[in-house]
Amino acid sequence: MGSDPQYAKYPDLSLAQDIFTLTNPSSALSSRQSALQKIQNSISEHKMAPLYRYLAHPSDGILNASGEGTARKPSIPGTRKPSVAANMLARRRNSGTFDFPWDEQLYEKLKTENEEELETFQKEEDEAAEKAGDTEVQAARGKRAEFWARVGDKEKALSSYEAVFEKTGILGTKIDLVLAIIRIGIFFGDRLDVKKNVDRAKTLVESGGDWDRRNRLKAYQGLHLLTTRSYNLAAPLLLDSLSTFTSYELCSYSSLVVYSVLAGSISLKRVDFKSKVVDAPEIRAILGDGEEKLSALSGAAASGPGAGDEEMKDVTSATPTPASTAVNLTALGSSTAPQEVEVPIDFTPLAGLVRSLYVGNYQSFFLSLAAVEENFLSQDRYLYEHRGWFVREMRLRGYQQLLQSYRVVGLGSMANDFGVSVDFLDRDLAKFIAADRIPCTIDRVNKIIETNRPDDKNKQYADVVKQGDGLITKLQKYGQAVRLRGSERG
């Protein structure tokens, strides 16, 4: 198993979600007010002077668009990157203010307390260098790095962690330091930095990392791929993490279930979707009805591609089974580390989406998809940016799943199956047909949809002809160039 993880406490990524919620127009007013209160309490409790300035300063704060409240001061060039800061927020800085008050006295008080704490760390390091060994010096430097991560100073936290990394020889500690650096990048929405350090952590783990850190890295990598819209790559990593999840510093187990189900629903083939999402014991324990939860928790859940089909029930509405509401998942994780009690989540829309897609109840599928967008995609900082794309791709998946079973489908019949108007279905399908996403044609005169099943041999022939035409064109250009050079020599 290896040693217990280090440097896992800070930064608190739930605080980044609160910052996002505060700026999210899709969040309820009560949620935004609660988020503001949590942010203010965290800033006061953890003495987060740098983060307070980063968020609320009248001229430099990313949450302050107007600069009202105090006399404005000229901002220092290069103090923050707008493109990175924008990834923390649900809307752009200039689209309105977010009612985050700036208190100069509070900031000065927090800043003074930070300076006093830093003096303590420096004194501890000096004493360790004089009276103890390198281990104690490294411990003191590690405390300073965690301090900068706690108070929200990105640049100083990164440089401090890097300084500790350079002086550390233990592989497990090095991996923990890189994971801490990744979390700082996730907190501030710096995806380029996250990608670079995820690759760095993979190299370290492959050089001899223990089992626990390998599994933790899966969750980190899956979450990063989710934020970059690589759902097909994120799905296997997130689904594999469900049974061995210990990365509670990254996200809650509830959130991991949501991310895994959404990534699997949009990217897995039907057989894999059945075995890894519909029949997965960890997911059945959350999304199933009362009997399914009991059987999943007792280890009796079906696992094969065809197992449990007789238990699948039809979905008749967007809120199928009240038994899947407000499940607290804290006890389901495999970590023995202390965890905060999770806020109960209503998984009903997600359960409806999975079940209706699998059984082919497309009207309920569309209703559940709308509920998932409202309750999950529009509320989560990692999913918000991709919500439109996700809904569009899931509609495409529903269309493809129905059309692949028929040669000809009535336009009105299909519109009725999905619970939409004929005009909407016509417009929506036309976009996918024009982009070669669905092989079919729409006959509005006869009010039918004809599917064009691609023949592999014909496709290969067409590809060869297309590539051959390109090659002939290149050879002709090359021949003309050679003749020109020959005439010049003459």
Protein backbone atom coordinates (compact mmCIF):
# COMPACT_ATOMS: atom_id res chain seq x y z
CA MET A 1 0.00 0.00 0.00
CA GLY A 2 2.84 2.38 0.69
CA SER A 3 2.98 5.24 3.14
CA ASP A 4 0.04 7.52 3.87
CA PRO A 5 -0.34 10.43 1.43
CA GLN A 6 1.27 13.73 2.37
CA TYR A 7 0.41 17.33 1.42
CA ALA A 8 -3.20 16.26 0.71
CA LYS A 9 -5.07 18.80 2.84
CA TYR A 10 -4.64 21.97 0.79
CA PRO A 11 -5.88 23.58 -1.33
CA ASP A 12 -9.54 22.93 -0.54
CA LEU A 13 -11.13 22.27 -3.93
CA SER A 14 -14.64 22.59 -2.50
CA LEU A 15 -13.85 26.28 -2.02
CA ALA A 16 -13.19 26.59 -5.76
CA GLN A 17 -16.66 25.13 -6.36
CA ASP A 18 -18.11 27.76 -4.01
CA ILE A 19 -16.38 30.52 -6.00
CA PHE A 20 -17.86 29.06 -9.17
CA THR A 21 -21.34 28.83 -7.61
CA LEU A 22 -21.15 32.48 -6.52
CA THR A 23 -20.67 33.53 -10.17
CA ASN A 24 -23.06 30.99 -11.70
CA PRO A 25 -26.29 32.53 -13.06
CA SER A 26 -27.82 29.03 -13.14
CA SER A 27 -27.47 28.61 -9.37
CA ALA A 28 -30.33 29.51 -7.07
CA LEU A 29 -30.03 32.72 -5.07
CA SER A 30 -29.91 30.73 -1.84
CA SER A 31 -27.02 28.67 -3.21
CA ARG A 32 -25.07 31.79 -4.18
CA GLN A 33 -25.65 33.34 -0.76
CA SER A 34 -24.54 30.13 0.94
CA ALA A 35 -21.44 30.00 -1.27
CA LEU A 36 -20.55 33.60 -0.39
CA GLN A 37 -20.87 32.80 3.31
CA LYS A 38 -18.64 29.72 2.97
CA ILE A 39 -15.99 31.70 1.08
CA GLN A 40 -15.95 34.47 3.67
CA ASN A 41 -15.79 31.97 6.53
CA SER A 42 -12.91 30.07 4.89
CA ILE A 43 -10.97 33.27 4.25
CA SER A 44 -11.30 34.28 7.89
CA GLU A 45 -10.68 30.83 9.34
CA HIS A 46 -7.62 30.00 7.24
CA LYS A 47 -6.29 33.59 7.09
CA MET A 48 -6.37 33.59 3.28
CA ALA A 49 -5.14 37.13 2.61
CA PRO A 50 -3.69 36.38 -0.89
CA LEU A 51 -6.87 34.64 -2.07
CA TYR A 52 -9.03 37.42 -0.61
CA ARG A 53 -7.10 39.99 -2.63
CA TYR A 54 -7.18 37.77 -5.73
CA LEU A 55 -10.97 37.53 -5.53
CA ALA A 56 -12.30 40.78 -4.06
CA HIS A 57 -9.76 43.60 -4.45
CA PRO A 58 -11.47 46.69 -5.96
CA SER A 59 -9.03 46.94 -8.88
CA ASP A 60 -7.32 43.53 -9.14
CA GLY A 61 -9.97 41.11 -7.87
CA ILE A 62 -11.44 38.72 -10.44
CA LEU A 63 -14.88 39.04 -8.82
CA ASN A 64 -14.92 42.83 -8.96
CA ALA A 65 -15.77 44.30 -12.34
CA SER A 66 -16.61 47.87 -11.36
CA GLY A 67 -14.01 48.75 -8.76
CA GLU A 68 -16.60 50.31 -6.50
CA GLY A 69 -16.23 50.52 -2.74
CA THR A 70 -12.80 52.11 -2.24
CA ALA A 71 -10.39 54.30 -4.13
CA ARG A 72 -9.00 52.38 -7.06
CA LYS A 73 -5.32 51.60 -7.23
CA PRO A 74 -3.42 50.87 -10.43
CA SER A 75 -3.13 47.14 -11.00
CA ILE A 76 0.31 45.61 -11.27
CA PRO A 77 1.00 44.19 -14.74
CA GLY A 78 1.29 40.43 -14.77
CA THR A 79 -0.26 39.92 -11.32
CA ARG A 80 -2.80 37.51 -12.72
CA LYS A 81 -3.70 35.82 -15.98
CA PRO A 82 -7.23 36.68 -17.13
CA SER A 83 -7.55 33.56 -19.29
CA VAL A 84 -6.71 31.33 -16.32
CA ALA A 85 -8.81 33.35 -13.88
CA ALA A 86 -11.80 33.00 -16.21
CA ASN A 87 -11.69 29.21 -15.70
CA MET A 88 -12.58 29.74 -12.02
CA LEU A 89 -15.78 31.61 -12.86
CA ALA A 90 -19.06 30.68 -14.52
CA ARG A 91 -19.16 33.98 -16.41
CA ARG A 92 -16.71 36.61 -17.54
CA ARG A 93 -15.39 39.25 -15.22
CA ASN A 94 -16.97 42.16 -17.10
CA SER A 95 -20.47 40.62 -17.20
CA GLY A 96 -21.44 42.01 -13.80
CA THR A 97 -20.47 42.23 -10.16
CA PHE A 98 -20.91 39.37 -7.72
CA ASP A 99 -21.52 41.21 -4.45
CA PHE A 100 -18.22 40.20 -2.83
CA PRO A 101 -17.38 43.05 -0.43
CA TRP A 102 -13.82 44.24 0.08
CA ASP A 103 -12.71 45.08 3.63
CA GLU A 104 -9.31 46.77 3.74
CA GLN A 105 -9.00 46.35 7.51
CA LEU A 106 -9.73 42.64 7.30
CA TYR A 107 -7.14 42.25 4.54
CA GLU A 108 -4.45 44.04 6.54
CA LYS A 109 -5.30 41.93 9.60
CA LEU A 110 -5.03 38.69 7.62
CA LYS A 111 -1.82 39.87 5.98
CA THR A 112 -0.24 40.61 9.38
CA GLU A 113 -1.23 37.18 10.68
CA ASN A 114 0.28 35.59 7.59
CA GLU A 115 3.56 37.39 8.14
CA GLU A 116 3.67 36.26 11.76
CA GLU A 117 3.04 32.66 10.75
CA LEU A 118 5.77 32.84 8.12
CA GLU A 119 8.22 34.10 10.72
CA THR A 120 7.40 31.05 12.83
CA PHE A 121 8.13 28.73 9.89
CA GLN A 122 11.40 30.50 9.15
CA LYS A 123 12.47 30.26 12.80
CA GLU A 124 11.62 26.55 12.81
CA GLU A 125 13.65 25.99 9.64
CA ASP A 126 16.65 27.91 11.02
CA GLU A 127 16.59 25.90 14.23
CA ALA A 128 16.30 22.64 12.27
CA ALA A 129 19.26 23.61 10.09
CA GLU A 130 21.34 24.43 13.17
CA LYS A 131 20.37 21.64 15.56
CA ALA A 132 18.74 18.87 13.53
CA GLY A 133 19.13 17.22 10.15
CA ASP A 134 17.86 17.51 6.58
CA THR A 135 14.64 15.68 7.40
CA GLU A 136 13.58 18.34 9.89
CA VAL A 137 14.56 21.13 7.48
CA GLN A 138 12.45 19.53 4.76
CA ALA A 139 9.54 19.22 7.18
CA ALA A 140 9.73 22.95 7.93
CA ARG A 141 9.86 23.79 4.22
CA GLY A 142 6.91 21.49 3.63
CA LYS A 143 4.90 23.39 6.23
CA ARG A 144 5.66 26.65 4.45
CA ALA A 145 4.55 25.18 1.11
CA GLU A 146 1.29 23.95 2.66
CA PHE A 147 0.82 27.39 4.21
CA TRP A 148 0.95 29.09 0.79
CA ALA A 149 -1.45 26.48 -0.60
CA ARG A 150 -3.79 27.06 2.35
CA VAL A 151 -3.90 30.86 1.98
CA GLY A 152 -4.35 30.69 -1.80
CA ASP A 153 -1.12 32.20 -3.16
CA LYS A 154 -0.68 30.17 -6.33
CA GLU A 155 2.79 31.26 -7.44
CA LYS A 156 4.43 31.03 -4.02
CA ALA A 157 2.77 27.68 -3.32
CA LEU A 158 4.06 26.25 -6.60
CA SER A 159 7.60 27.55 -6.07
CA SER A 160 7.64 26.26 -2.47
CA TYR A 161 6.44 22.79 -3.48
CA GLU A 162 9.02 22.70 -6.27
CA ALA A 163 11.76 23.63 -3.79
CA VAL A 164 10.71 20.77 -1.50
CA PHE A 165 10.50 18.42 -4.51
CA GLU A 166 14.07 19.19 -5.56
CA LYS A 167 15.42 18.27 -2.12
CA THR A 168 13.30 15.12 -1.71
CA GLY A 169 14.63 11.67 -2.56
CA ILE A 170 11.66 9.51 -1.53
CA LEU A 171 9.53 8.57 -4.54
CA GLY A 172 6.22 8.45 -2.65
CA THR A 173 6.76 11.95 -1.27
CA LYS A 174 7.66 13.24 -4.73
CA ILE A 175 4.40 11.84 -6.14
CA ASP A 176 2.44 13.47 -3.29
CA LEU A 177 4.11 16.81 -4.01
CA VAL A 178 3.22 16.63 -7.72
CA LEU A 179 -0.37 15.70 -6.86
CA ALA A 180 -0.51 18.76 -4.61
CA ILE A 181 0.78 20.89 -7.49
CA ILE A 182 -1.93 19.40 -9.73
CA ARG A 183 -4.62 20.36 -7.22
CA ILE A 184 -3.35 23.95 -7.17
CA GLY A 185 -3.71 24.02 -10.96
CA ILE A 186 -7.22 22.55 -10.70
CA PHE A 187 -8.18 25.09 -8.02
CA PHE A 188 -7.18 28.04 -10.20
CA GLY A 189 -8.35 26.45 -13.48
CA ASP A 190 -4.88 26.30 -15.05
CA ARG A 191 -5.39 23.36 -17.41
CA LEU A 192 -2.04 23.60 -19.16
CA ASP A 193 -0.23 23.37 -15.84
CA VAL A 194 -2.47 20.47 -14.76
CA LYS A 195 -1.75 18.54 -17.96
CA LYS A 196 1.99 19.05 -17.61
CA ASN A 197 2.02 17.81 -14.02
CA VAL A 198 -0.34 14.90 -14.65
CA ASP A 199 2.19 13.65 -17.22
CA ARG A 200 4.93 14.28 -14.68
CA ALA A 201 3.08 12.26 -12.02
CA LYS A 202 2.52 9.40 -14.50
CA THR A 203 6.26 9.23 -15.12
CA LEU A 204 6.97 9.08 -11.40
CA VAL A 205 4.30 6.44 -10.74
CA GLU A 206 5.55 4.27 -13.60
CA SER A 207 9.05 4.41 -12.14
CA GLY A 208 7.90 2.52 -9.04
CA GLY A 209 4.90 4.18 -7.42
CA ASP A 210 2.86 2.14 -4.94
CA TRP A 211 -0.65 0.77 -5.52
CA ASP A 212 -2.46 3.51 -3.59
CA ARG A 213 -0.80 6.37 -5.45
CA ARG A 214 -1.42 4.66 -8.80
CA ASN A 215 -5.13 4.53 -8.00
CA ARG A 216 -5.19 8.12 -6.77
CA LEU A 217 -3.54 9.28 -9.97
CA LYS A 218 -6.30 7.56 -12.02
CA ALA A 219 -8.88 9.84 -10.44
CA TYR A 220 -6.69 12.93 -11.02
CA GLN A 221 -6.10 12.02 -14.64
CA GLY A 222 -9.77 11.19 -15.24
CA LEU A 223 -10.94 14.49 -13.77
CA HIS A 224 -8.44 16.43 -15.88
CA LEU A 225 -9.60 14.66 -19.06
CA LEU A 226 -13.18 15.48 -18.11
CA THR A 227 -12.36 19.20 -17.98
CA THR A 228 -10.77 19.01 -21.45
CA ARG A 229 -13.84 17.26 -22.93
CA SER A 230 -11.99 13.96 -23.47
CA TYR A 231 -14.87 11.91 -22.09
CA ASN A 232 -13.88 8.77 -24.01
CA LEU A 233 -10.48 8.77 -22.27
CA ALA A 234 -11.85 9.87 -18.89
CA ALA A 235 -14.57 7.21 -18.67
CA PRO A 236 -12.38 4.09 -18.10
CA LEU A 237 -10.20 5.89 -15.57
CA LEU A 238 -13.12 7.27 -13.57
CA LEU A 239 -15.06 3.99 -13.66
CA ASP A 240 -11.97 2.06 -12.53
CA SER A 241 -11.54 4.51 -9.65
CA LEU A 242 -14.99 3.77 -8.20
CA SER A 243 -13.99 0.56 -6.41
CA THR A 244 -10.65 1.83 -5.09
CA PHE A 245 -11.33 5.55 -4.58
CA THR A 246 -9.24 7.23 -1.87
CA SER A 247 -8.69 10.70 -3.38
CA TYR A 248 -11.13 12.59 -1.15
CA GLU A 249 -8.89 15.65 -1.38
CA LEU A 250 -9.81 15.78 -5.08
CA CYS A 251 -13.59 15.36 -4.95
CA SER A 252 -16.30 13.57 -3.01
CA TYR A 253 -17.34 10.03 -3.82
CA SER A 254 -20.75 11.38 -4.84
CA SER A 255 -19.11 13.63 -7.43
CA LEU A 256 -16.99 10.76 -8.72
CA VAL A 257 -20.15 8.71 -9.32
CA VAL A 258 -21.70 11.60 -11.26
CA TYR A 259 -18.57 12.12 -13.39
CA SER A 260 -18.20 8.38 -14.05
CA VAL A 261 -21.83 7.90 -15.10
CA LEU A 262 -21.85 10.95 -17.38
CA ALA A 263 -18.54 10.03 -19.04
CA GLY A 264 -19.59 6.41 -19.48
CA SER A 265 -23.05 7.29 -20.81
CA ILE A 266 -21.70 9.45 -23.61
CA SER A 267 -18.63 7.46 -24.66
CA LEU A 268 -19.09 3.72 -24.03
CA LYS A 269 -20.52 1.29 -26.53
CA ARG A 270 -23.80 -0.34 -25.54
CA VAL A 271 -22.25 -3.59 -24.30
CA ASP A 272 -19.67 -1.74 -22.19
CA PHE A 273 -22.33 0.72 -21.03
CA LYS A 274 -24.36 -2.24 -19.77
CA SER A 275 -21.51 -3.92 -17.90
CA LYS A 276 -19.62 -0.86 -16.60
CA VAL A 277 -22.46 1.56 -15.83
CA VAL A 278 -25.88 -0.10 -15.77
CA ASP A 279 -24.70 -3.25 -13.95
CA ALA A 280 -21.69 -1.86 -12.06
CA PRO A 281 -22.22 -2.66 -8.34
CA GLU A 282 -20.85 0.71 -7.21
CA ILE A 283 -23.29 2.55 -9.49
CA ARG A 284 -26.27 0.26 -8.81
CA ALA A 285 -25.77 0.96 -5.12
CA ILE A 286 -26.42 4.63 -5.87
CA LEU A 287 -28.77 4.79 -8.85
CA GLY A 288 -30.76 1.58 -8.41
CA ASP A 289 -34.03 1.07 -6.58
CA GLY A 290 -34.20 -0.36 -3.06
CA GLU A 291 -33.64 -4.02 -4.03
CA GLU A 292 -30.84 -3.17 -6.47
CA LYS A 293 -29.03 -1.11 -3.82
CA LEU A 294 -29.26 -3.98 -1.34
CA SER A 295 -28.02 -6.56 -3.85
CA ALA A 296 -25.19 -4.29 -5.02
CA LEU A 297 -23.99 -3.58 -1.48
CA SER A 298 -24.11 -7.32 -0.68
CA GLY A 299 -22.07 -8.12 -3.78
CA ALA A 300 -24.89 -9.82 -5.69
CA ALA A 301 -25.24 -7.27 -8.48
CA ALA A 302 -25.07 -8.49 -12.06
CA SER A 303 -21.84 -7.86 -13.88
CA GLY A 304 -22.07 -9.49 -17.30
CA PRO A 305 -23.17 -7.76 -20.52
CA GLY A 306 -26.41 -9.72 -20.62
CA ALA A 307 -27.00 -10.25 -16.94
CA GLY A 308 -29.90 -8.66 -15.15
CA ASP A 309 -31.85 -7.72 -18.29
CA GLU A 310 -34.98 -9.21 -16.83
CA GLU A 311 -34.74 -6.79 -13.91
CA MET A 312 -34.65 -3.66 -16.08
CA LYS A 313 -37.87 -1.69 -15.70
CA ASP A 314 -39.41 0.81 -18.08
CA VAL A 315 -38.99 4.50 -17.33
CA THR A 316 -42.18 6.50 -17.58
CA SER A 317 -41.13 9.93 -16.36
CA ALA A 318 -38.15 12.17 -15.71
CA THR A 319 -38.33 11.28 -12.00
CA PRO A 320 -38.56 7.50 -12.16
CA THR A 321 -37.76 6.10 -8.75
CA PRO A 322 -37.99 8.09 -5.53
CA ALA A 323 -35.77 5.50 -3.84
CA SER A 324 -32.66 6.98 -5.49
CA THR A 325 -32.98 10.39 -3.88
CA ALA A 326 -30.54 11.99 -1.47
CA VAL A 327 -28.03 9.20 -0.96
CA ASN A 328 -25.13 9.91 1.38
CA LEU A 329 -22.08 8.11 0.01
CA THR A 330 -19.47 8.73 2.67
CA ALA A 331 -19.60 5.19 3.96
CA LEU A 332 -19.16 3.70 0.49
CA GLY A 333 -15.60 4.91 -0.07
CA SER A 334 -12.66 2.62 0.58
CA SER A 335 -10.42 5.18 2.27
CA THR A 336 -9.79 5.01 5.99
CA ALA A 337 -8.74 8.67 6.11
CA PRO A 338 -11.03 11.18 7.85
CA GLN A 339 -13.66 12.55 5.48
CA GLU A 340 -16.16 15.36 5.76
CA VAL A 341 -19.82 14.37 5.70
CA GLU A 342 -21.09 14.79 2.16
CA VAL A 343 -24.15 16.83 1.27
CA PRO A 344 -26.91 14.43 0.15
CA ILE A 345 -27.48 14.48 -3.60
CA ASP A 346 -30.66 13.66 -5.49
CA PHE A 347 -29.54 11.15 -8.11
CA THR A 348 -33.02 10.66 -9.61
CA PRO A 349 -32.34 12.53 -12.90
CA LEU A 350 -29.08 10.65 -13.41
CA ALA A 351 -30.73 7.30 -12.67
CA GLY A 352 -33.50 8.17 -15.13
CA LEU A 353 -30.97 9.08 -17.82
CA VAL A 354 -29.08 5.78 -17.50
CA ARG A 355 -32.15 3.57 -17.33
CA SER A 356 -34.13 5.27 -20.10
CA LEU A 357 -31.15 5.27 -22.48
CA TYR A 358 -30.55 1.57 -21.89
CA VAL A 359 -34.18 0.41 -22.24
CA GLY A 360 -34.91 2.77 -25.14
CA ASN A 361 -37.57 4.96 -23.54
CA TYR A 362 -36.56 8.02 -25.52
CA GLN A 363 -39.25 10.43 -24.36
CA SER A 364 -38.20 9.84 -20.77
CA PHE A 365 -34.57 9.98 -21.91
CA PHE A 366 -35.01 13.54 -23.23
CA LEU A 367 -36.81 14.62 -20.05
CA SER A 368 -34.08 13.08 -17.87
CA LEU A 369 -31.39 14.72 -20.02
CA ALA A 370 -32.97 18.13 -19.42
CA ALA A 371 -33.09 17.42 -15.68
CA VAL A 372 -29.44 16.31 -15.68
CA GLU A 373 -28.44 19.53 -17.44
CA GLU A 374 -30.29 21.62 -14.88
CA ASN A 375 -29.20 19.73 -11.74
CA PHE A 376 -25.67 18.57 -12.60
CA LEU A 377 -24.16 20.03 -15.78
CA SER A 378 -25.14 23.62 -14.96
CA GLN A 379 -24.04 23.42 -11.32
CA ASP A 380 -20.59 21.79 -11.47
CA ARG A 381 -17.47 23.79 -12.34
CA TYR A 382 -15.93 20.90 -14.30
CA LEU A 383 -19.08 20.19 -16.35
CA TYR A 384 -20.53 23.68 -16.85
CA GLU A 385 -18.41 24.72 -19.82
CA HIS A 386 -19.28 21.55 -21.75
CA ARG A 387 -22.98 21.32 -20.91
CA GLY A 388 -24.21 22.33 -24.39
CA TRP A 389 -21.87 19.88 -26.09
CA PHE A 390 -22.85 17.08 -23.71
CA VAL A 391 -26.59 17.56 -24.27
CA ARG A 392 -26.08 17.68 -28.04
CA GLU A 393 -23.97 14.50 -28.07
CA MET A 394 -26.47 12.65 -25.87
CA ARG A 395 -29.30 13.61 -28.24
CA LEU A 396 -27.18 12.25 -31.07
CA ARG A 397 -26.64 9.02 -29.15
CA GLY A 398 -30.38 8.60 -28.66
CA TYR A 399 -31.07 9.20 -32.37
CA GLN A 400 -28.35 6.76 -33.42
CA GLN A 401 -29.57 4.07 -31.05
CA LEU A 402 -33.11 4.21 -32.44
CA LEU A 403 -32.20 4.54 -36.13
CA GLN A 404 -29.71 1.67 -36.18
CA SER A 405 -32.57 -0.78 -35.66
CA TYR A 406 -34.63 0.35 -38.66
CA ARG A 407 -34.28 0.81 -42.40
CA VAL A 408 -37.13 3.34 -42.62
CA VAL A 409 -38.73 5.29 -39.77
CA GLY A 410 -41.74 7.57 -39.90
CA LEU A 411 -40.77 11.16 -39.10
CA GLY A 412 -43.89 11.68 -37.00
CA SER A 413 -43.43 8.36 -35.23
CA MET A 414 -39.83 9.17 -34.26
CA ALA A 415 -40.81 12.67 -33.12
CA ASN A 416 -43.51 11.12 -30.95
CA ASP A 417 -41.02 8.63 -29.47
CA PHE A 418 -38.74 11.48 -28.38
CA GLY A 419 -41.58 13.73 -27.28
CA VAL A 420 -40.65 16.58 -29.64
CA SER A 421 -42.27 18.26 -32.64
CA VAL A 422 -41.61 17.12 -36.20
CA ASP A 423 -40.04 20.50 -37.04
CA PHE A 424 -37.63 20.28 -34.12
CA LEU A 425 -36.62 16.72 -35.02
CA ASP A 426 -36.15 17.72 -38.67
CA ARG A 427 -33.88 20.63 -37.76
CA ASP A 428 -31.94 18.66 -35.16
CA LEU A 429 -31.34 15.64 -37.37
CA ALA A 430 -30.37 17.87 -40.32
CA LYS A 431 -27.42 19.25 -38.35
CA PHE A 432 -26.10 15.77 -37.57
CA ILE A 433 -26.70 14.51 -41.12
CA ALA A 434 -24.84 17.49 -42.62
CA ALA A 435 -21.89 16.75 -40.30
CA ASP A 436 -21.89 13.04 -41.33
CA ARG A 437 -22.75 12.00 -37.78
CA ILE A 438 -25.89 10.05 -38.77
CA PRO A 439 -26.03 8.05 -42.06
CA CYS A 440 -29.61 8.79 -43.11
CA THR A 441 -31.76 11.06 -45.27
CA ILE A 442 -35.01 12.86 -44.47
CA ASP A 443 -37.88 12.71 -46.95
CA ARG A 444 -40.28 15.47 -45.87
CA VAL A 445 -42.66 14.76 -48.75
CA ASN A 446 -43.28 11.17 -47.66
CA LYS A 447 -42.53 12.06 -44.02
CA ILE A 448 -39.97 9.30 -43.52
CA ILE A 449 -36.34 8.90 -42.50
CA GLU A 450 -34.26 6.42 -44.51
CA THR A 451 -31.07 5.07 -42.98
CA ASN A 452 -28.03 4.51 -45.17
CA ARG A 453 -26.04 1.71 -43.64
CA PRO A 454 -22.40 2.20 -44.68
CA ASP A 455 -20.83 -0.84 -46.34
CA ASP A 456 -17.28 -1.44 -45.09
CA LYS A 457 -16.00 -2.52 -48.51
CA ASN A 458 -17.52 0.49 -50.25
CA LYS A 459 -16.10 2.75 -47.56
CA GLN A 460 -12.63 1.27 -47.99
CA TYR A 461 -12.93 1.69 -51.77
CA ALA A 462 -13.98 5.32 -51.38
CA ASP A 463 -11.06 5.96 -49.01
CA VAL A 464 -8.59 4.41 -51.47
CA VAL A 465 -9.95 6.52 -54.35
CA LYS A 466 -9.79 9.67 -52.24
CA GLN A 467 -6.22 8.99 -51.08
CA GLY A 468 -5.23 8.02 -54.65
CA ASP A 469 -6.55 11.29 -56.03
CA GLY A 470 -4.50 13.16 -53.48
CA LEU A 471 -1.37 11.19 -54.37
CA ILE A 472 -1.85 11.79 -58.12
CA THR A 473 -2.25 15.52 -57.53
CA LYS A 474 1.00 15.62 -55.54
CA LEU A 475 2.86 13.64 -58.24
CA GLN A 476 1.61 16.00 -60.94
CA LYS A 477 2.82 19.03 -58.99
CA TYR A 478 6.17 17.31 -58.43
CA GLY A 479 6.48 16.51 -62.15
CA GLN A 480 5.79 20.12 -63.12
CA ALA A 481 8.43 21.34 -60.67
CA VAL A 482 11.01 18.90 -62.09
CA ARG A 483 10.33 19.99 -65.70
CA LEU A 484 10.66 23.64 -64.77
CA ARG A 485 14.03 23.06 -63.15
CA GLY A 486 15.17 21.07 -66.21
CA SER A 487 14.26 23.89 -68.61
CA GLU A 488 16.11 26.36 -66.45
CA ARG A 489 19.25 24.25 -66.72
CA GLY A 490 18.86 24.17 -70.50
